[in-house]
């Protein structure tokens, strides 16, 4: 699992879901926790990792309900592991972004020359 601050912020500050609903579905013990973050009484920088992961997971389900990205990433992680090249989720994302960046950079450079 991982935590995504932007998704958590979007869930907390850009939806009309009740504190109770968010807490229940995300598996947070108390709606008070959600209320404190929404009101600014608690700082997101001090959120517990478990809560941040749970809110990220719920936000992904809410905003991207048909995405199979996690399944694909888990499959790739398993393939790396089976090949004897165990890497973390973050390392995989970094490799993917670097490779995609190089691919797109080349494509756009070629398009500008035409």
N, C-alpha and C. Protein backbone atom coordinates (compact mmCIF):
# COMPACT_ATOMS: atom_id res chain seq x y z
N UNK A 1 0.83 -1.19 0.00
CA UNK A 1 0.00 0.00 0.00
C UNK A 1 0.87 1.24 0.00
N UNK A 2 0.27 2.34 -0.36
CA UNK A 2 0.97 3.61 -0.35
C UNK A 2 -0.03 4.71 -0.04
N UNK A 3 0.49 5.88 0.26
CA UNK A 3 -0.36 7.03 0.55
C UNK A 3 -0.13 8.09 -0.52
N UNK A 4 -1.22 8.70 -0.96
CA UNK A 4 -1.16 9.74 -1.98
C UNK A 4 -1.84 10.99 -1.42
N UNK A 5 -1.04 11.97 -1.06
CA UNK A 5 -1.56 13.17 -0.42
C UNK A 5 -2.62 13.87 -1.27
N UNK A 6 -2.38 13.97 -2.57
CA UNK A 6 -3.34 14.67 -3.42
C UNK A 6 -4.70 13.98 -3.44
N UNK A 7 -4.70 12.65 -3.48
CA UNK A 7 -5.97 11.92 -3.43
C UNK A 7 -6.66 12.10 -2.09
N UNK A 8 -5.89 12.06 -1.02
CA UNK A 8 -6.47 12.25 0.32
C UNK A 8 -7.07 13.66 0.42
N UNK A 9 -6.35 14.66 -0.05
CA UNK A 9 -6.87 16.03 -0.02
C UNK A 9 -8.13 16.15 -0.86
N UNK A 10 -8.14 15.53 -2.03
CA UNK A 10 -9.32 15.59 -2.88
C UNK A 10 -10.52 14.95 -2.18
N UNK A 11 -10.29 13.82 -1.54
CA UNK A 11 -11.36 13.13 -0.82
C UNK A 11 -11.88 13.98 0.34
N UNK A 12 -10.97 14.56 1.11
CA UNK A 12 -11.38 15.31 2.30
C UNK A 12 -11.97 16.67 1.98
N UNK A 13 -11.40 17.35 0.99
CA UNK A 13 -11.76 18.75 0.79
C UNK A 13 -12.59 19.04 -0.47
N UNK A 14 -12.72 18.06 -1.36
CA UNK A 14 -13.46 18.32 -2.60
C UNK A 14 -14.64 17.39 -2.79
N UNK A 15 -15.07 16.73 -1.72
CA UNK A 15 -16.28 15.92 -1.80
C UNK A 15 -17.25 16.37 -0.72
N UNK A 16 -18.49 16.00 -0.92
CA UNK A 16 -19.51 16.36 0.06
C UNK A 16 -19.86 15.17 0.95
N UNK A 17 -19.03 14.13 0.93
CA UNK A 17 -19.27 12.97 1.78
C UNK A 17 -19.15 13.38 3.24
N UNK A 18 -19.95 12.76 4.05
CA UNK A 18 -19.90 13.06 5.49
C UNK A 18 -18.64 12.46 6.10
N UNK A 19 -18.25 13.02 7.21
CA UNK A 19 -17.11 12.49 7.95
C UNK A 19 -17.35 11.04 8.33
N UNK A 20 -18.56 10.75 8.75
CA UNK A 20 -18.92 9.40 9.17
C UNK A 20 -18.78 8.41 8.02
N UNK A 21 -19.27 8.80 6.84
CA UNK A 21 -19.21 7.93 5.65
C UNK A 21 -17.75 7.64 5.30
N UNK A 22 -16.92 8.69 5.25
CA UNK A 22 -15.51 8.50 4.90
C UNK A 22 -14.84 7.58 5.92
N UNK A 23 -15.07 7.84 7.20
CA UNK A 23 -14.45 7.02 8.25
C UNK A 23 -14.89 5.56 8.15
N UNK A 24 -16.19 5.35 7.97
CA UNK A 24 -16.73 3.98 7.89
C UNK A 24 -16.13 3.21 6.72
N UNK A 25 -16.22 3.80 5.54
CA UNK A 25 -15.80 3.09 4.34
C UNK A 25 -14.28 2.90 4.29
N UNK A 26 -13.54 3.90 4.75
CA UNK A 26 -12.08 3.81 4.74
C UNK A 26 -11.55 2.95 5.88
N UNK A 27 -12.39 2.69 6.87
CA UNK A 27 -11.95 1.88 8.00
C UNK A 27 -11.20 2.67 9.05
N UNK A 28 -11.48 3.97 9.12
CA UNK A 28 -10.89 4.83 10.16
C UNK A 28 -11.76 4.67 11.41
N UNK A 29 -11.14 4.52 12.57
CA UNK A 29 -11.89 4.21 13.80
C UNK A 29 -12.91 5.27 14.19
N UNK A 30 -12.60 6.55 13.94
CA UNK A 30 -13.48 7.60 14.44
C UNK A 30 -13.69 8.68 13.38
N UNK A 31 -14.93 9.11 13.27
CA UNK A 31 -15.22 10.21 12.35
C UNK A 31 -14.59 11.50 12.85
N UNK A 32 -14.26 11.55 14.12
CA UNK A 32 -13.61 12.73 14.69
C UNK A 32 -12.26 12.96 14.02
N UNK A 33 -11.57 11.89 13.69
CA UNK A 33 -10.28 12.00 13.00
C UNK A 33 -10.47 12.74 11.68
N UNK A 34 -11.48 12.36 10.92
CA UNK A 34 -11.76 12.99 9.63
C UNK A 34 -12.15 14.45 9.84
N UNK A 35 -13.01 14.70 10.82
CA UNK A 35 -13.45 16.07 11.10
C UNK A 35 -12.28 16.98 11.42
N UNK A 36 -11.34 16.48 12.22
CA UNK A 36 -10.20 17.30 12.62
C UNK A 36 -9.32 17.65 11.42
N UNK A 37 -9.13 16.72 10.51
CA UNK A 37 -8.34 17.04 9.31
C UNK A 37 -9.08 18.02 8.42
N UNK A 38 -10.38 17.83 8.26
CA UNK A 38 -11.16 18.73 7.41
C UNK A 38 -11.22 20.15 7.98
N UNK A 39 -11.28 20.27 9.28
CA UNK A 39 -11.39 21.59 9.90
C UNK A 39 -10.04 22.28 10.04
N UNK A 40 -8.97 21.54 9.86
CA UNK A 40 -7.64 22.12 10.03
C UNK A 40 -7.12 21.99 11.45
N UNK A 41 -7.93 21.41 12.33
CA UNK A 41 -7.49 21.21 13.71
C UNK A 41 -6.29 20.26 13.77
N UNK A 42 -6.27 19.28 12.86
CA UNK A 42 -5.13 18.38 12.72
C UNK A 42 -4.49 18.63 11.36
N UNK A 43 -3.19 18.56 11.32
CA UNK A 43 -2.43 18.82 10.10
C UNK A 43 -2.24 17.52 9.33
N UNK A 44 -2.48 17.56 8.02
CA UNK A 44 -2.30 16.36 7.20
C UNK A 44 -0.88 15.83 7.27
N UNK A 45 0.09 16.70 7.50
CA UNK A 45 1.48 16.27 7.61
C UNK A 45 1.69 15.31 8.77
N UNK A 46 0.79 15.34 9.75
CA UNK A 46 0.93 14.49 10.93
C UNK A 46 -0.02 13.29 10.92
N UNK A 47 -0.63 13.02 9.76
CA UNK A 47 -1.57 11.90 9.66
C UNK A 47 -0.80 10.58 9.80
N UNK A 48 -1.38 9.65 10.50
CA UNK A 48 -0.78 8.32 10.64
C UNK A 48 -0.76 7.64 9.27
N UNK A 49 0.31 6.89 9.03
CA UNK A 49 0.48 6.23 7.74
C UNK A 49 -0.69 5.31 7.43
N UNK A 50 -1.14 4.56 8.41
CA UNK A 50 -2.27 3.65 8.18
C UNK A 50 -3.52 4.38 7.74
N UNK A 51 -3.79 5.54 8.35
CA UNK A 51 -4.95 6.34 7.96
C UNK A 51 -4.76 6.90 6.56
N UNK A 52 -3.55 7.37 6.25
CA UNK A 52 -3.27 7.92 4.92
C UNK A 52 -3.43 6.85 3.85
N UNK A 53 -2.97 5.63 4.14
CA UNK A 53 -3.12 4.53 3.18
C UNK A 53 -4.58 4.17 2.99
N UNK A 54 -5.33 4.11 4.08
CA UNK A 54 -6.75 3.76 4.01
C UNK A 54 -7.53 4.82 3.23
N UNK A 55 -7.24 6.08 3.49
CA UNK A 55 -7.94 7.16 2.76
C UNK A 55 -7.54 7.17 1.29
N UNK A 56 -6.29 6.88 1.00
CA UNK A 56 -5.85 6.80 -0.39
C UNK A 56 -6.59 5.69 -1.11
N UNK A 57 -6.68 4.54 -0.48
CA UNK A 57 -7.38 3.41 -1.08
C UNK A 57 -8.85 3.74 -1.35
N UNK A 58 -9.51 4.35 -0.38
CA UNK A 58 -10.91 4.73 -0.55
C UNK A 58 -11.05 5.80 -1.64
N UNK A 59 -10.14 6.76 -1.68
CA UNK A 59 -10.19 7.80 -2.71
C UNK A 59 -10.01 7.20 -4.10
N UNK A 60 -9.10 6.24 -4.23
CA UNK A 60 -8.91 5.60 -5.54
C UNK A 60 -10.17 4.89 -5.97
N UNK A 61 -10.81 4.18 -5.05
CA UNK A 61 -12.07 3.49 -5.37
C UNK A 61 -13.16 4.49 -5.73
N UNK A 62 -13.15 5.65 -5.08
CA UNK A 62 -14.18 6.66 -5.32
C UNK A 62 -13.97 7.37 -6.66
N UNK A 63 -12.75 7.80 -6.93
CA UNK A 63 -12.48 8.61 -8.12
C UNK A 63 -12.12 7.80 -9.35
N UNK A 64 -11.61 6.58 -9.17
CA UNK A 64 -11.20 5.73 -10.30
C UNK A 64 -11.75 4.31 -10.10
N UNK A 65 -13.06 4.17 -10.11
CA UNK A 65 -13.65 2.87 -9.75
C UNK A 65 -13.35 1.73 -10.72
N UNK A 66 -13.05 2.01 -11.95
CA UNK A 66 -12.83 0.96 -12.94
C UNK A 66 -11.36 0.75 -13.27
N UNK A 67 -10.48 1.36 -12.52
CA UNK A 67 -9.06 1.25 -12.79
C UNK A 67 -8.52 -0.10 -12.34
N UNK A 68 -7.72 -0.71 -13.21
CA UNK A 68 -7.06 -1.95 -12.82
C UNK A 68 -5.55 -1.73 -12.68
N UNK A 69 -5.17 -0.49 -12.45
CA UNK A 69 -3.76 -0.14 -12.33
C UNK A 69 -3.08 -0.92 -11.21
N UNK A 70 -3.72 -1.05 -10.06
CA UNK A 70 -3.10 -1.76 -8.95
C UNK A 70 -2.82 -3.21 -9.30
N UNK A 71 -3.75 -3.85 -10.00
CA UNK A 71 -3.54 -5.24 -10.42
C UNK A 71 -2.33 -5.34 -11.35
N UNK A 72 -2.22 -4.40 -12.26
CA UNK A 72 -1.10 -4.41 -13.20
C UNK A 72 0.22 -4.17 -12.47
N UNK A 73 0.22 -3.22 -11.54
CA UNK A 73 1.44 -2.95 -10.78
C UNK A 73 1.83 -4.14 -9.92
N UNK A 74 0.87 -4.79 -9.29
CA UNK A 74 1.16 -5.97 -8.48
C UNK A 74 1.74 -7.08 -9.35
N UNK A 75 1.19 -7.25 -10.57
CA UNK A 75 1.71 -8.26 -11.49
C UNK A 75 3.16 -7.94 -11.85
N UNK A 76 3.45 -6.67 -12.15
CA UNK A 76 4.82 -6.29 -12.50
C UNK A 76 5.77 -6.51 -11.34
N UNK A 77 5.35 -6.17 -10.14
CA UNK A 77 6.19 -6.39 -8.96
C UNK A 77 6.48 -7.88 -8.78
N UNK A 78 5.47 -8.70 -9.01
CA UNK A 78 5.65 -10.15 -8.90
C UNK A 78 6.64 -10.65 -9.95
N UNK A 79 6.54 -10.13 -11.17
CA UNK A 79 7.45 -10.53 -12.25
C UNK A 79 8.89 -10.14 -11.91
N UNK A 80 9.10 -8.95 -11.39
CA UNK A 80 10.45 -8.53 -10.98
C UNK A 80 10.97 -9.47 -9.90
N UNK A 81 10.12 -9.77 -8.92
CA UNK A 81 10.51 -10.63 -7.81
C UNK A 81 10.89 -12.03 -8.31
N UNK A 82 10.07 -12.59 -9.19
CA UNK A 82 10.33 -13.94 -9.71
C UNK A 82 11.60 -13.98 -10.55
N UNK A 83 11.97 -12.86 -11.14
CA UNK A 83 13.20 -12.79 -11.93
C UNK A 83 14.42 -12.50 -11.05
N UNK A 84 14.19 -12.41 -9.73
CA UNK A 84 15.29 -12.16 -8.81
C UNK A 84 15.67 -10.69 -8.69
N UNK A 85 14.79 -9.81 -9.12
CA UNK A 85 15.04 -8.36 -9.07
C UNK A 85 13.97 -7.67 -8.25
N UNK A 86 13.87 -8.03 -6.98
CA UNK A 86 12.83 -7.46 -6.13
C UNK A 86 13.01 -5.95 -6.01
N UNK A 87 11.94 -5.21 -6.29
CA UNK A 87 11.95 -3.76 -6.16
C UNK A 87 10.69 -3.33 -5.42
N UNK A 88 10.71 -2.12 -4.90
CA UNK A 88 9.55 -1.60 -4.18
C UNK A 88 8.55 -0.99 -5.15
N UNK A 89 7.38 -0.74 -4.64
CA UNK A 89 6.32 -0.08 -5.41
C UNK A 89 6.81 1.25 -5.95
N UNK A 90 7.47 2.03 -5.09
CA UNK A 90 7.97 3.35 -5.49
C UNK A 90 9.05 3.23 -6.55
N UNK A 91 9.94 2.26 -6.39
CA UNK A 91 11.00 2.06 -7.40
C UNK A 91 10.40 1.70 -8.75
N UNK A 92 9.37 0.86 -8.74
CA UNK A 92 8.70 0.49 -9.99
C UNK A 92 8.08 1.71 -10.65
N UNK A 93 7.37 2.52 -9.87
CA UNK A 93 6.76 3.72 -10.43
C UNK A 93 7.82 4.66 -10.99
N UNK A 94 8.93 4.79 -10.28
CA UNK A 94 10.01 5.66 -10.74
C UNK A 94 10.58 5.16 -12.07
N UNK A 95 10.81 3.86 -12.19
CA UNK A 95 11.30 3.28 -13.44
C UNK A 95 10.31 3.52 -14.58
N UNK A 96 9.03 3.34 -14.28
CA UNK A 96 8.01 3.52 -15.31
C UNK A 96 7.96 4.97 -15.78
N UNK A 97 8.00 5.90 -14.85
CA UNK A 97 7.95 7.32 -15.21
C UNK A 97 9.19 7.72 -16.00
N UNK A 98 10.36 7.27 -15.55
CA UNK A 98 11.59 7.58 -16.27
C UNK A 98 11.54 7.06 -17.70
N UNK A 99 11.10 5.81 -17.87
CA UNK A 99 11.03 5.23 -19.20
C UNK A 99 9.99 5.94 -20.07
N UNK A 100 8.84 6.23 -19.50
CA UNK A 100 7.80 6.91 -20.26
C UNK A 100 8.25 8.32 -20.63
N UNK A 101 8.93 8.98 -19.72
CA UNK A 101 9.45 10.32 -19.98
C UNK A 101 10.40 10.30 -21.17
N UNK A 102 11.33 9.36 -21.18
CA UNK A 102 12.29 9.26 -22.29
C UNK A 102 11.57 8.95 -23.59
N UNK A 103 10.59 8.08 -23.54
CA UNK A 103 9.81 7.74 -24.73
C UNK A 103 9.08 8.97 -25.26
N UNK A 104 8.41 9.68 -24.38
CA UNK A 104 7.63 10.84 -24.81
C UNK A 104 8.53 11.99 -25.25
N UNK A 105 9.63 12.18 -24.57
CA UNK A 105 10.57 13.24 -24.94
C UNK A 105 11.04 13.02 -26.36
N UNK A 106 11.43 11.82 -26.69
CA UNK A 106 11.86 11.51 -28.05
C UNK A 106 10.76 11.72 -29.06
N UNK A 107 9.56 11.33 -28.73
CA UNK A 107 8.43 11.46 -29.64
C UNK A 107 8.14 12.94 -29.91
N UNK A 108 8.13 13.75 -28.87
CA UNK A 108 7.82 15.16 -29.04
C UNK A 108 8.95 15.90 -29.78
N UNK A 109 10.17 15.50 -29.53
CA UNK A 109 11.30 16.12 -30.23
C UNK A 109 11.20 15.81 -31.72
N UNK A 110 10.87 14.58 -32.05
CA UNK A 110 10.73 14.20 -33.46
C UNK A 110 9.57 14.95 -34.10
N UNK A 111 8.46 15.12 -33.38
CA UNK A 111 7.29 15.81 -33.92
C UNK A 111 7.60 17.28 -34.20
N UNK A 112 8.42 17.92 -33.35
CA UNK A 112 8.76 19.32 -33.55
C UNK A 112 9.65 19.52 -34.78
N UNK A 113 10.48 18.55 -35.10
CA UNK A 113 11.39 18.69 -36.24
C UNK A 113 10.67 18.56 -37.56
N UNK A 114 9.50 17.95 -37.60
CA UNK A 114 8.79 17.73 -38.86
C UNK A 114 8.11 18.97 -39.37
